[in-house]
Amino acid sequence: MGQQEPVKEFYAFGKMLRQILRSTIRSDKNYRKVEDRLS
């Protein structure tokens, strides 16, 4: 029973990383759009 808790934490950490990656990719795309408009 005690071994399942670290697994849950690991999955939660993975979800967090995915959300961070998605948000950074989104902002990167928006940044490129702004760059295209400026040039």
PDB file of N, CA and C in Angstrom:
ATOM      1  N   MET A   1       0.831  -1.207   0.000  1.00  0.00           N
ATOM      2  CA  MET A   1       0.000   0.000   0.000  1.00  0.00           C
ATOM      3  C   MET A   1       0.865   1.256   0.000  1.00  0.00           C
ATOM      4  N   GLY A   2       1.940   1.229   0.773  1.00  0.00           N
ATOM      5  CA  GLY A   2       2.774   2.427   0.890  1.00  0.00           C
ATOM      6  C   GLY A   2       3.533   2.749  -0.382  1.00  0.00           C
ATOM      7  N   GLN A   3       3.694   1.736  -1.250  1.00  0.00           N
ATOM      8  CA  GLN A   3       4.471   1.972  -2.469  1.00  0.00           C
ATOM      9  C   GLN A   3       3.663   2.709  -3.532  1.00  0.00           C
ATOM     10  N   GLN A   4       2.345   2.757  -3.384  1.00  0.00           N
ATOM     11  CA  GLN A   4       1.521   3.406  -4.404  1.00  0.00           C
ATOM     12  C   GLN A   4       1.569   4.928  -4.296  1.00  0.00           C
ATOM     13  N   GLU A   5       1.869   5.442  -3.119  1.00  0.00           N
ATOM     14  CA  GLU A   5       1.850   6.900  -2.950  1.00  0.00           C
ATOM     15  C   GLU A   5       2.912   7.603  -3.801  1.00  0.00           C
ATOM     16  N   PRO A   6       4.162   7.120  -3.838  1.00  0.00           N
ATOM     17  CA  PRO A   6       5.154   7.770  -4.703  1.00  0.00           C
ATOM     18  C   PRO A   6       4.746   7.746  -6.172  1.00  0.00           C
ATOM     19  N   VAL A   7       4.060   6.672  -6.578  1.00  0.00           N
ATOM     20  CA  VAL A   7       3.609   6.594  -7.971  1.00  0.00           C
ATOM     21  C   VAL A   7       2.609   7.705  -8.256  1.00  0.00           C
ATOM     22  N   LYS A   8       1.681   7.922  -7.327  1.00  0.00           N
ATOM     23  CA  LYS A   8       0.700   9.004  -7.505  1.00  0.00           C
ATOM     24  C   LYS A   8       1.415  10.344  -7.597  1.00  0.00           C
ATOM     25  N   GLU A   9       2.399  10.550  -6.731  1.00  0.00           N
ATOM     26  CA  GLU A   9       3.145  11.811  -6.760  1.00  0.00           C
ATOM     27  C   GLU A   9       3.856  11.959  -8.101  1.00  0.00           C
ATOM     28  N   PHE A  10       4.404  10.857  -8.604  1.00  0.00           N
ATOM     29  CA  PHE A  10       5.118  10.896  -9.882  1.00  0.00           C
ATOM     30  C   PHE A  10       4.178  11.292 -11.016  1.00  0.00           C
ATOM     31  N   TYR A  11       2.975  10.688 -11.026  1.00  0.00           N
ATOM     32  CA  TYR A  11       2.008  11.028 -12.066  1.00  0.00           C
ATOM     33  C   TYR A  11       1.590  12.493 -11.959  1.00  0.00           C
ATOM     34  N   ALA A  12       1.378  12.967 -10.736  1.00  0.00           N
ATOM     35  CA  ALA A  12       0.993  14.367 -10.544  1.00  0.00           C
ATOM     36  C   ALA A  12       2.097  15.283 -11.048  1.00  0.00           C
ATOM     37  N   PHE A  13       3.349  14.901 -10.766  1.00  0.00           N
ATOM     38  CA  PHE A  13       4.490  15.696 -11.227  1.00  0.00           C
ATOM     39  C   PHE A  13       4.547  15.712 -12.754  1.00  0.00           C
ATOM     40  N   GLY A  14       4.291  14.558 -13.368  1.00  0.00           N
ATOM     41  CA  GLY A  14       4.287  14.476 -14.827  1.00  0.00           C
ATOM     42  C   GLY A  14       3.204  15.360 -15.435  1.00  0.00           C
ATOM     43  N   LYS A  15       2.025  15.348 -14.825  1.00  0.00           N
ATOM     44  CA  LYS A  15       0.937  16.207 -15.314  1.00  0.00           C
ATOM     45  C   LYS A  15       1.347  17.667 -15.237  1.00  0.00           C
ATOM     46  N   MET A  16       1.966  18.042 -14.109  1.00  0.00           N
ATOM     47  CA  MET A  16       2.401  19.420 -13.919  1.00  0.00           C
ATOM     48  C   MET A  16       3.402  19.807 -15.008  1.00  0.00           C
ATOM     49  N   LEU A  17       4.362  18.918 -15.266  1.00  0.00           N
ATOM     50  CA  LEU A  17       5.372  19.207 -16.288  1.00  0.00           C
ATOM     51  C   LEU A  17       4.711  19.384 -17.648  1.00  0.00           C
ATOM     52  N   ARG A  18       3.733  18.517 -17.956  1.00  0.00           N
ATOM     53  CA  ARG A  18       3.064  18.616 -19.247  1.00  0.00           C
ATOM     54  C   ARG A  18       2.352  19.950 -19.390  1.00  0.00           C
ATOM     55  N   GLN A  19       1.666  20.380 -18.305  1.00  0.00           N
ATOM     56  CA  GLN A  19       0.951  21.659 -18.356  1.00  0.00           C
ATOM     57  C   GLN A  19       1.929  22.803 -18.575  1.00  0.00           C
ATOM     58  N   ILE A  20       3.085  22.747 -17.879  1.00  0.00           N
ATOM     59  CA  ILE A  20       4.085  23.807 -18.039  1.00  0.00           C
ATOM     60  C   ILE A  20       4.593  23.814 -19.478  1.00  0.00           C
ATOM     61  N   LEU A  21       4.870  22.629 -20.025  1.00  0.00           N
ATOM     62  CA  LEU A  21       5.369  22.549 -21.399  1.00  0.00           C
ATOM     63  C   LEU A  21       4.340  23.114 -22.366  1.00  0.00           C
ATOM     64  N   ARG A  22       3.069  22.753 -22.176  1.00  0.00           N
ATOM     65  CA  ARG A  22       2.025  23.255 -23.073  1.00  0.00           C
ATOM     66  C   ARG A  22       1.946  24.771 -23.023  1.00  0.00           C
ATOM     67  N   SER A  23       1.976  25.334 -21.821  1.00  0.00           N
ATOM     68  CA  SER A  23       1.855  26.788 -21.689  1.00  0.00           C
ATOM     69  C   SER A  23       3.063  27.479 -22.302  1.00  0.00           C
ATOM     70  N   THR A  24       4.262  26.906 -22.143  1.00  0.00           N
ATOM     71  CA  THR A  24       5.449  27.544 -22.718  1.00  0.00           C
ATOM     72  C   THR A  24       5.405  27.444 -24.235  1.00  0.00           C
ATOM     73  N   ILE A  25       4.943  26.309 -24.761  1.00  0.00           N
ATOM     74  CA  ILE A  25       4.842  26.162 -26.219  1.00  0.00           C
ATOM     75  C   ILE A  25       3.832  27.166 -26.759  1.00  0.00           C
ATOM     76  N   ARG A  26       2.723  27.339 -26.048  1.00  0.00           N
ATOM     77  CA  ARG A  26       1.695  28.286 -26.473  1.00  0.00           C
ATOM     78  C   ARG A  26       2.261  29.700 -26.524  1.00  0.00           C
ATOM     79  N   SER A  27       2.945  30.099 -25.454  1.00  0.00           N
ATOM     80  CA  SER A  27       3.490  31.453 -25.408  1.00  0.00           C
ATOM     81  C   SER A  27       4.565  31.612 -26.477  1.00  0.00           C
ATOM     82  N   ASP A  28       5.312  30.548 -26.772  1.00  0.00           N
ATOM     83  CA  ASP A  28       6.339  30.615 -27.805  1.00  0.00           C
ATOM     84  C   ASP A  28       5.700  30.856 -29.164  1.00  0.00           C
ATOM     85  N   LYS A  29       4.584  30.168 -29.444  1.00  0.00           N
ATOM     86  CA  LYS A  29       3.889  30.371 -30.713  1.00  0.00           C
ATOM     87  C   LYS A  29       3.383  31.804 -30.807  1.00  0.00           C
ATOM     88  N   ASN A  30       2.792  32.304 -29.715  1.00  0.00           N
ATOM     89  CA  ASN A  30       2.293  33.674 -29.713  1.00  0.00           C
ATOM     90  C   ASN A  30       3.441  34.644 -29.935  1.00  0.00           C
ATOM     91  N   TYR A  31       4.591  34.364 -29.318  1.00  0.00           N
ATOM     92  CA  TYR A  31       5.758  35.238 -29.466  1.00  0.00           C
ATOM     93  C   TYR A  31       6.202  35.280 -30.928  1.00  0.00           C
ATOM     94  N   ARG A  32       6.178  34.140 -31.589  1.00  0.00           N
ATOM     95  CA  ARG A  32       6.585  34.105 -32.994  1.00  0.00           C
ATOM     96  C   ARG A  32       5.612  34.904 -33.849  1.00  0.00           C
ATOM     97  N   LYS A  33       4.323  34.813 -33.533  1.00  0.00           N
ATOM     98  CA  LYS A  33       3.333  35.584 -34.290  1.00  0.00           C
ATOM     99  C   LYS A  33       3.632  37.073 -34.169  1.00  0.00           C
ATOM    100  N   VAL A  34       3.942  37.513 -32.955  1.00  0.00           N
ATOM    101  CA  VAL A  34       4.252  38.927 -32.736  1.00  0.00           C
ATOM    102  C   VAL A  34       5.502  39.306 -33.514  1.00  0.00           C
ATOM    103  N   GLU A  35       6.507  38.425 -33.514  1.00  0.00           N
ATOM    104  CA  GLU A  35       7.740  38.709 -34.253  1.00  0.00           C
ATOM    105  C   GLU A  35       7.440  38.862 -35.737  1.00  0.00           C
ATOM    106  N   ASP A  36       6.577  37.996 -36.284  1.00  0.00           N
ATOM    107  CA  ASP A  36       6.250  38.075 -37.704  1.00  0.00           C
ATOM    108  C   ASP A  36       5.566  39.403 -38.019  1.00  0.00           C
ATOM    109  N   ARG A  37       4.712  39.868 -37.118  1.00  0.00           N
ATOM    110  CA  ARG A  37       4.011  41.130 -37.360  1.00  0.00           C
ATOM    111  C   ARG A  37       4.996  42.297 -37.352  1.00  0.00           C
ATOM    112  N   LEU A  38       5.982  42.230 -36.442  1.00  0.00           N
ATOM    113  CA  LEU A  38       6.919  43.344 -36.323  1.00  0.00           C
ATOM    114  C   LEU A  38       7.859  43.411 -37.527  1.00  0.00           C
ATOM    115  N   SER A  39       8.231  42.266 -38.092  1.00  0.00           N
ATOM    116  CA  SER A  39       9.210  42.280 -39.177  1.00  0.00           C
ATOM    117  C   SER A  39       8.559  42.533 -40.537  1.00  0.00           C
TER     118      SER A  39
END
